Amino acid sequence: MKWLLRKCGRCGEYTILNATCPRCGGSTKVPHPAPLTLDDRYLRYKLEMRRASLPNHSSKKRDQLRGS
């Protein structure tokens, strides 16, 4: 699937189909997360990356639920 919307990594400006930001000249990336399906062979790694990007308080809650 091709995404039209792009986001500048430097200034946060959104643009459509530009590889560079028209405002600051920084590189852009697709702001949408990768699709998540249960039959994906890389699901474990994607979930680890998402959990790592969450704020620290969520890992504390997860530890409390586990009884650690």
N, C-alpha and C. Protein backbone atom coordinates (compact mmCIF):
# COMPACT_ATOMS: atom_id res chain seq x y z
N MET A 1 0.84 -1.17 0.00
CA MET A 1 0.00 0.00 0.00
C MET A 1 0.89 1.24 0.00
N LYS A 2 0.54 2.20 -0.79
CA LYS A 2 1.33 3.42 -0.90
C LYS A 2 0.68 4.52 -0.06
N TRP A 3 1.47 5.09 0.83
CA TRP A 3 0.98 6.18 1.67
C TRP A 3 1.34 7.51 1.02
N LEU A 4 0.42 8.43 1.05
CA LEU A 4 0.66 9.74 0.45
C LEU A 4 1.24 10.72 1.46
N LEU A 5 0.81 10.64 2.69
CA LEU A 5 1.21 11.59 3.71
C LEU A 5 2.62 11.28 4.21
N ARG A 6 3.44 12.29 4.35
CA ARG A 6 4.81 12.15 4.86
C ARG A 6 5.02 13.19 5.96
N LYS A 7 5.92 12.89 6.90
CA LYS A 7 6.21 13.80 8.01
C LYS A 7 7.70 14.05 8.10
N CYS A 8 8.06 15.30 8.28
CA CYS A 8 9.46 15.68 8.41
C CYS A 8 9.98 15.25 9.77
N GLY A 9 11.14 14.64 9.79
CA GLY A 9 11.75 14.21 11.04
C GLY A 9 12.38 15.36 11.81
N ARG A 10 12.70 16.43 11.13
CA ARG A 10 13.37 17.57 11.76
C ARG A 10 12.39 18.55 12.38
N CYS A 11 11.40 19.01 11.61
CA CYS A 11 10.49 20.05 12.12
C CYS A 11 9.08 19.55 12.40
N GLY A 12 8.73 18.34 11.96
CA GLY A 12 7.40 17.79 12.23
C GLY A 12 6.33 18.23 11.25
N GLU A 13 6.71 18.94 10.22
CA GLU A 13 5.76 19.41 9.20
C GLU A 13 5.29 18.23 8.35
N TYR A 14 4.00 18.23 7.99
CA TYR A 14 3.45 17.19 7.12
C TYR A 14 3.46 17.67 5.68
N THR A 15 3.66 16.75 4.74
CA THR A 15 3.67 17.07 3.33
C THR A 15 3.11 15.87 2.57
N ILE A 16 2.87 16.04 1.30
CA ILE A 16 2.34 14.95 0.48
C ILE A 16 3.36 14.60 -0.59
N LEU A 17 3.83 13.36 -0.55
CA LEU A 17 4.72 12.76 -1.55
C LEU A 17 6.06 13.45 -1.76
N ASN A 18 6.49 14.29 -0.85
CA ASN A 18 7.81 14.92 -0.98
C ASN A 18 8.83 14.14 -0.16
N ALA A 19 9.98 13.86 -0.74
CA ALA A 19 11.03 13.16 -0.02
C ALA A 19 11.77 14.11 0.93
N THR A 20 11.68 15.41 0.66
CA THR A 20 12.28 16.41 1.54
C THR A 20 11.22 17.40 1.97
N CYS A 21 11.41 17.96 3.13
CA CYS A 21 10.46 18.92 3.69
C CYS A 21 10.55 20.24 2.94
N PRO A 22 9.42 20.80 2.49
CA PRO A 22 9.46 22.09 1.80
C PRO A 22 9.78 23.25 2.75
N ARG A 23 9.62 23.05 4.03
CA ARG A 23 9.84 24.11 5.01
C ARG A 23 11.31 24.22 5.44
N CYS A 24 11.92 23.04 5.80
CA CYS A 24 13.28 23.09 6.34
C CYS A 24 14.28 22.26 5.54
N GLY A 25 13.82 21.46 4.58
CA GLY A 25 14.72 20.66 3.77
C GLY A 25 15.11 19.33 4.39
N GLY A 26 14.52 18.99 5.54
CA GLY A 26 14.83 17.72 6.21
C GLY A 26 14.20 16.53 5.49
N SER A 27 14.66 15.34 5.81
CA SER A 27 14.10 14.15 5.18
C SER A 27 12.75 13.81 5.82
N THR A 28 11.89 13.22 5.01
CA THR A 28 10.55 12.86 5.49
C THR A 28 10.41 11.35 5.58
N LYS A 29 9.43 10.92 6.37
CA LYS A 29 9.14 9.50 6.50
C LYS A 29 7.63 9.32 6.59
N VAL A 30 7.19 8.10 6.39
CA VAL A 30 5.76 7.79 6.47
C VAL A 30 5.38 7.77 7.95
N PRO A 31 4.38 8.56 8.37
CA PRO A 31 4.03 8.63 9.79
C PRO A 31 3.13 7.50 10.26
N HIS A 32 2.68 6.65 9.36
CA HIS A 32 1.77 5.57 9.73
C HIS A 32 2.55 4.36 10.22
N PRO A 33 2.05 3.68 11.25
CA PRO A 33 2.74 2.47 11.70
C PRO A 33 2.57 1.34 10.70
N ALA A 34 3.45 0.38 10.76
CA ALA A 34 3.33 -0.79 9.88
C ALA A 34 2.08 -1.56 10.26
N PRO A 35 1.41 -2.18 9.28
CA PRO A 35 0.21 -2.95 9.61
C PRO A 35 0.55 -4.12 10.54
N LEU A 36 -0.37 -4.41 11.43
CA LEU A 36 -0.16 -5.45 12.41
C LEU A 36 -1.19 -6.55 12.21
N THR A 37 -0.75 -7.72 11.79
CA THR A 37 -1.65 -8.86 11.61
C THR A 37 -1.16 -10.01 12.47
N LEU A 38 -2.07 -10.85 12.90
CA LEU A 38 -1.72 -11.94 13.81
C LEU A 38 -0.92 -13.05 13.14
N ASP A 39 -1.02 -13.17 11.83
CA ASP A 39 -0.27 -14.23 11.14
C ASP A 39 1.07 -13.73 10.59
N ASP A 40 1.51 -12.57 11.05
CA ASP A 40 2.78 -11.99 10.61
C ASP A 40 3.94 -12.72 11.30
N ARG A 41 4.91 -13.16 10.54
CA ARG A 41 6.03 -13.89 11.13
C ARG A 41 6.97 -12.99 11.93
N TYR A 42 6.85 -11.68 11.77
CA TYR A 42 7.67 -10.73 12.52
C TYR A 42 6.86 -10.05 13.62
N LEU A 43 5.72 -10.59 13.99
CA LEU A 43 4.83 -9.97 14.98
C LEU A 43 5.55 -9.75 16.31
N ARG A 44 6.30 -10.73 16.76
CA ARG A 44 6.99 -10.60 18.05
C ARG A 44 7.92 -9.39 18.07
N TYR A 45 8.64 -9.18 16.98
CA TYR A 45 9.59 -8.07 16.92
C TYR A 45 8.87 -6.72 16.83
N LYS A 46 7.77 -6.67 16.09
CA LYS A 46 7.00 -5.44 15.99
C LYS A 46 6.41 -5.06 17.35
N LEU A 47 5.91 -6.06 18.09
CA LEU A 47 5.36 -5.78 19.41
C LEU A 47 6.44 -5.31 20.37
N GLU A 48 7.62 -5.88 20.29
CA GLU A 48 8.72 -5.44 21.14
C GLU A 48 9.09 -3.99 20.85
N MET A 49 9.10 -3.61 19.57
CA MET A 49 9.42 -2.24 19.19
C MET A 49 8.35 -1.27 19.69
N ARG A 50 7.09 -1.67 19.58
CA ARG A 50 6.00 -0.81 20.06
C ARG A 50 6.05 -0.66 21.56
N ARG A 51 6.30 -1.75 22.27
CA ARG A 51 6.38 -1.67 23.73
C ARG A 51 7.56 -0.82 24.16
N ALA A 52 8.66 -0.90 23.43
CA ALA A 52 9.84 -0.10 23.77
C ALA A 52 9.59 1.39 23.56
N SER A 53 8.69 1.73 22.64
CA SER A 53 8.43 3.14 22.37
C SER A 53 7.39 3.73 23.30
N LEU A 54 6.74 2.91 24.14
CA LEU A 54 5.76 3.42 25.09
C LEU A 54 6.47 4.13 26.24
N PRO A 55 5.76 5.04 26.91
CA PRO A 55 6.37 5.70 28.08
C PRO A 55 6.69 4.68 29.17
N ASN A 56 7.61 5.02 30.04
CA ASN A 56 8.09 4.10 31.07
C ASN A 56 7.01 3.68 32.06
N HIS A 57 6.01 4.52 32.30
CA HIS A 57 5.00 4.17 33.28
C HIS A 57 4.20 2.94 32.87
N SER A 58 4.09 2.67 31.58
CA SER A 58 3.34 1.49 31.15
C SER A 58 4.08 0.21 31.51
N SER A 59 5.41 0.23 31.46
CA SER A 59 6.16 -0.96 31.85
C SER A 59 6.06 -1.18 33.36
N LYS A 60 5.97 -0.11 34.14
CA LYS A 60 5.79 -0.26 35.58
C LYS A 60 4.44 -0.89 35.88
N LYS A 61 3.40 -0.46 35.17
CA LYS A 61 2.08 -1.05 35.36
C LYS A 61 2.10 -2.53 34.97
N ARG A 62 2.79 -2.85 33.90
CA ARG A 62 2.88 -4.23 33.45
C ARG A 62 3.58 -5.08 34.51
N ASP A 63 4.63 -4.53 35.13
CA ASP A 63 5.33 -5.26 36.19
C ASP A 63 4.44 -5.44 37.41
N GLN A 64 3.62 -4.43 37.73
CA GLN A 64 2.72 -4.54 38.86
C GLN A 64 1.68 -5.62 38.62
N LEU A 65 1.19 -5.71 37.39
CA LEU A 65 0.20 -6.73 37.07
C LEU A 65 0.80 -8.13 37.15
N ARG A 66 2.06 -8.25 36.82
CA ARG A 66 2.73 -9.55 36.88
C ARG A 66 3.07 -9.95 38.31
N GLY A 67 3.08 -8.97 39.22
CA GLY A 67 3.41 -9.26 40.61
C GLY A 67 4.88 -9.11 40.92
N SER A 68 5.63 -8.41 40.07
CA SER A 68 7.07 -8.22 40.29
C SER A 68 7.32 -7.05 41.21
